[in-house]
C-alpha cells in the first residue's frame, strides 16, 4: 500500500510530466484519474492533459517521488518538484508561505 505520497506520471509520447499528491493509496488515485477520462468535462489537470494534448500516460506505473503524512508538506513537495522539472504540465496553484531568516 502506497499512501500519503507525491507521484509523477510521464507521457509516453513526449517529455511532459504531471506531478500530483494524494493521501489515498496511489492505486486508488490512479483509478480516479482513469474515471476522470470518461467524463465529458473535467477540471483535473492530468485528465485535461490526456484529453486535449494527446498525451499517453501509463497509470499502472506512477513513480513515487516523495512521501509525507502532512497534507501541506505534500503539497509543498508537489509544487517544488513541479517547478524543478523542465516540462511540467501542472499549473502551480498551492499558496506557499516560506519564511527564511
C-alpha atoms as a PDB file:
ATOM      1  CA  UNK A   1       0.000   0.000   0.000  1.00  0.00           C
ATOM      2  CA  UNK A   2       1.458   3.355  -1.082  1.00  0.00           C
ATOM      3  CA  UNK A   3      -0.327   6.125   0.847  1.00  0.00           C
ATOM      4  CA  UNK A   4       0.465   9.797   1.505  1.00  0.00           C
ATOM      5  CA  UNK A   5       2.774  10.185  -1.480  1.00  0.00           C
ATOM      6  CA  UNK A   6       3.839  12.597  -4.187  1.00  0.00           C
ATOM      7  CA  UNK A   7       3.852  10.881  -7.579  1.00  0.00           C
ATOM      8  CA  UNK A   8       4.920  11.584 -11.142  1.00  0.00           C
ATOM      9  CA  UNK A   9       3.168  10.496 -14.334  1.00  0.00           C
ATOM     10  CA  UNK A  10       5.240  10.774 -17.506  1.00  0.00           C
ATOM     11  CA  UNK A  11       3.840  10.983 -21.023  1.00  0.00           C
ATOM     12  CA  UNK A  12       4.981   8.130 -23.278  1.00  0.00           C
ATOM     13  CA  UNK A  13       4.992  10.339 -26.387  1.00  0.00           C
ATOM     14  CA  UNK A  14       6.797  13.431 -25.072  1.00  0.00           C
ATOM     15  CA  UNK A  15       8.755  14.571 -22.024  1.00  0.00           C
ATOM     16  CA  UNK A  16       5.837  16.280 -20.288  1.00  0.00           C
ATOM     17  CA  UNK A  17       5.066  15.177 -16.724  1.00  0.00           C
ATOM     18  CA  UNK A  18       2.238  15.555 -14.252  1.00  0.00           C
ATOM     19  CA  UNK A  19       3.165  15.663 -10.583  1.00  0.00           C
ATOM     20  CA  UNK A  20       0.442  15.052  -8.026  1.00  0.00           C
ATOM     21  CA  UNK A  21      -0.033  14.204  -4.387  1.00  0.00           C
ATOM     22  CA  UNK A  22      -2.543  12.038  -2.575  1.00  0.00           C
ATOM     23  CA  UNK A  23      -3.411  10.788   0.876  1.00  0.00           C
ATOM     24  CA  UNK A  24      -5.057   7.768  -0.761  1.00  0.00           C
ATOM     25  CA  UNK A  25      -3.355   4.593  -1.864  1.00  0.00           C
ATOM     26  CA  UNK A  26      -1.726   5.631  -5.146  1.00  0.00           C
ATOM     27  CA  UNK A  27      -3.513   2.750  -6.955  1.00  0.00           C
ATOM     28  CA  UNK A  28      -6.871   4.216  -5.910  1.00  0.00           C
ATOM     29  CA  UNK A  29      -5.739   7.673  -7.076  1.00  0.00           C
ATOM     30  CA  UNK A  30      -4.810   6.237 -10.481  1.00  0.00           C
ATOM     31  CA  UNK A  31      -8.307   4.703 -10.704  1.00  0.00           C
ATOM     32  CA  UNK A  32      -9.746   8.178 -10.062  1.00  0.00           C
ATOM     33  CA  UNK A  33      -7.644   9.592 -12.898  1.00  0.00           C
ATOM     34  CA  UNK A  34      -8.885   6.841 -15.245  1.00  0.00           C
ATOM     35  CA  UNK A  35     -12.504   7.525 -14.239  1.00  0.00           C
ATOM     36  CA  UNK A  36     -11.956  11.229 -14.903  1.00  0.00           C
ATOM     37  CA  UNK A  37     -11.123  10.423 -18.521  1.00  0.00           C
ATOM     38  CA  UNK A  38     -14.633   9.061 -19.030  1.00  0.00           C
ATOM     39  CA  UNK A  39     -16.253  12.362 -18.045  1.00  0.00           C
ATOM     40  CA  UNK A  40     -17.011  14.837 -20.839  1.00  0.00           C
ATOM     41  CA  UNK A  41     -15.907  17.845 -18.764  1.00  0.00           C
ATOM     42  CA  UNK A  42     -13.114  17.718 -16.244  1.00  0.00           C
ATOM     43  CA  UNK A  43     -11.103  20.187 -14.235  1.00  0.00           C
ATOM     44  CA  UNK A  44      -8.364  17.775 -13.208  1.00  0.00           C
ATOM     45  CA  UNK A  45      -5.110  18.719 -14.869  1.00  0.00           C
ATOM     46  CA  UNK A  46      -3.967  15.202 -15.722  1.00  0.00           C
ATOM     47  CA  UNK A  47      -7.328  14.337 -17.304  1.00  0.00           C
ATOM     48  CA  UNK A  48      -7.265  17.539 -19.365  1.00  0.00           C
ATOM     49  CA  UNK A  49      -3.649  16.859 -20.336  1.00  0.00           C
ATOM     50  CA  UNK A  50      -4.568  13.493 -21.824  1.00  0.00           C
ATOM     51  CA  UNK A  51      -7.832  14.542 -23.486  1.00  0.00           C
ATOM     52  CA  UNK A  52      -6.647  17.768 -25.062  1.00  0.00           C
ATOM     53  CA  UNK A  53      -2.942  17.288 -25.618  1.00  0.00           C
ATOM     54  CA  UNK A  54      -2.961  13.704 -26.959  1.00  0.00           C
ATOM     55  CA  UNK A  55      -0.658  12.602 -24.167  1.00  0.00           C
ATOM     56  CA  UNK A  56      -0.334   8.901 -23.364  1.00  0.00           C
ATOM     57  CA  UNK A  57       0.012   8.068 -19.670  1.00  0.00           C
ATOM     58  CA  UNK A  58       0.567   4.643 -18.122  1.00  0.00           C
ATOM     59  CA  UNK A  59      -1.481   4.809 -14.928  1.00  0.00           C
ATOM     60  CA  UNK A  60      -0.110   1.410 -13.872  1.00  0.00           C
ATOM     61  CA  UNK A  61       3.352   2.887 -13.346  1.00  0.00           C
ATOM     62  CA  UNK A  62       3.229   6.083 -11.291  1.00  0.00           C
ATOM     63  CA  UNK A  63       6.661   6.978  -9.958  1.00  0.00           C
ATOM     64  CA  UNK A  64       6.695   7.728  -6.217  1.00  0.00           C
ATOM     65  CA  UNK A  65       8.931  10.775  -5.770  1.00  0.00           C
ATOM     66  CA  UNK A  66       8.058  11.855  -2.230  1.00  0.00           C
ATOM     67  CA  UNK A  67       6.266  10.863   0.940  1.00  0.00           C
ATOM     68  CA  UNK A  68       4.763  12.809   3.818  1.00  0.00           C
ATOM     69  CA  UNK A  69       1.926  12.274   6.265  1.00  0.00           C
ATOM     70  CA  UNK A  70       1.140  16.016   6.400  1.00  0.00           C
ATOM     71  CA  UNK A  71      -1.001  17.382   3.542  1.00  0.00           C
ATOM     72  CA  UNK A  72       0.566  20.872   3.345  1.00  0.00           C
ATOM     73  CA  UNK A  73       4.063  19.396   3.220  1.00  0.00           C
ATOM     74  CA  UNK A  74       2.970  17.016   0.422  1.00  0.00           C
ATOM     75  CA  UNK A  75       1.516  19.999  -1.451  1.00  0.00           C
ATOM     76  CA  UNK A  76       4.776  21.898  -0.945  1.00  0.00           C
ATOM     77  CA  UNK A  77       6.776  18.955  -2.287  1.00  0.00           C
ATOM     78  CA  UNK A  78       4.377  18.661  -5.238  1.00  0.00           C
ATOM     79  CA  UNK A  79       4.852  22.344  -6.031  1.00  0.00           C
ATOM     80  CA  UNK A  80       8.636  22.359  -5.672  1.00  0.00           C
ATOM     81  CA  UNK A  81       9.072  19.163  -7.696  1.00  0.00           C
ATOM     82  CA  UNK A  82       6.802  20.586 -10.427  1.00  0.00           C
ATOM     83  CA  UNK A  83       8.911  23.735 -10.564  1.00  0.00           C
ATOM     84  CA  UNK A  84      12.092  21.651 -10.684  1.00  0.00           C
ATOM     85  CA  UNK A  85      11.028  19.689 -13.773  1.00  0.00           C
ATOM     86  CA  UNK A  86      11.795  21.325 -17.144  1.00  0.00           C
ATOM     87  CA  UNK A  87       8.441  20.398 -18.734  1.00  0.00           C
ATOM     88  CA  UNK A  88       5.681  20.047 -16.121  1.00  0.00           C
ATOM     89  CA  UNK A  89       2.027  20.049 -17.077  1.00  0.00           C
ATOM     90  CA  UNK A  90       0.910  21.197 -13.637  1.00  0.00           C
ATOM     91  CA  UNK A  91      -0.293  24.694 -13.086  1.00  0.00           C
ATOM     92  CA  UNK A  92       1.029  25.575  -9.663  1.00  0.00           C
ATOM     93  CA  UNK A  93      -1.930  26.540  -7.516  1.00  0.00           C
ATOM     94  CA  UNK A  94      -0.810  25.957  -3.951  1.00  0.00           C
ATOM     95  CA  UNK A  95      -0.054  29.078  -1.972  1.00  0.00           C
ATOM     96  CA  UNK A  96       3.254  28.592  -0.242  1.00  0.00           C
ATOM     97  CA  UNK A  97       4.364  30.687   2.677  1.00  0.00           C
ATOM     98  CA  UNK A  98       8.071  30.059   3.038  1.00  0.00           C
ATOM     99  CA  UNK A  99       9.865  32.086   5.668  1.00  0.00           C
ATOM    100  CA  UNK A 100      13.594  32.497   5.843  1.00  0.00           C
ATOM    101  CA  UNK A 101      15.657  34.173   8.498  1.00  0.00           C
END
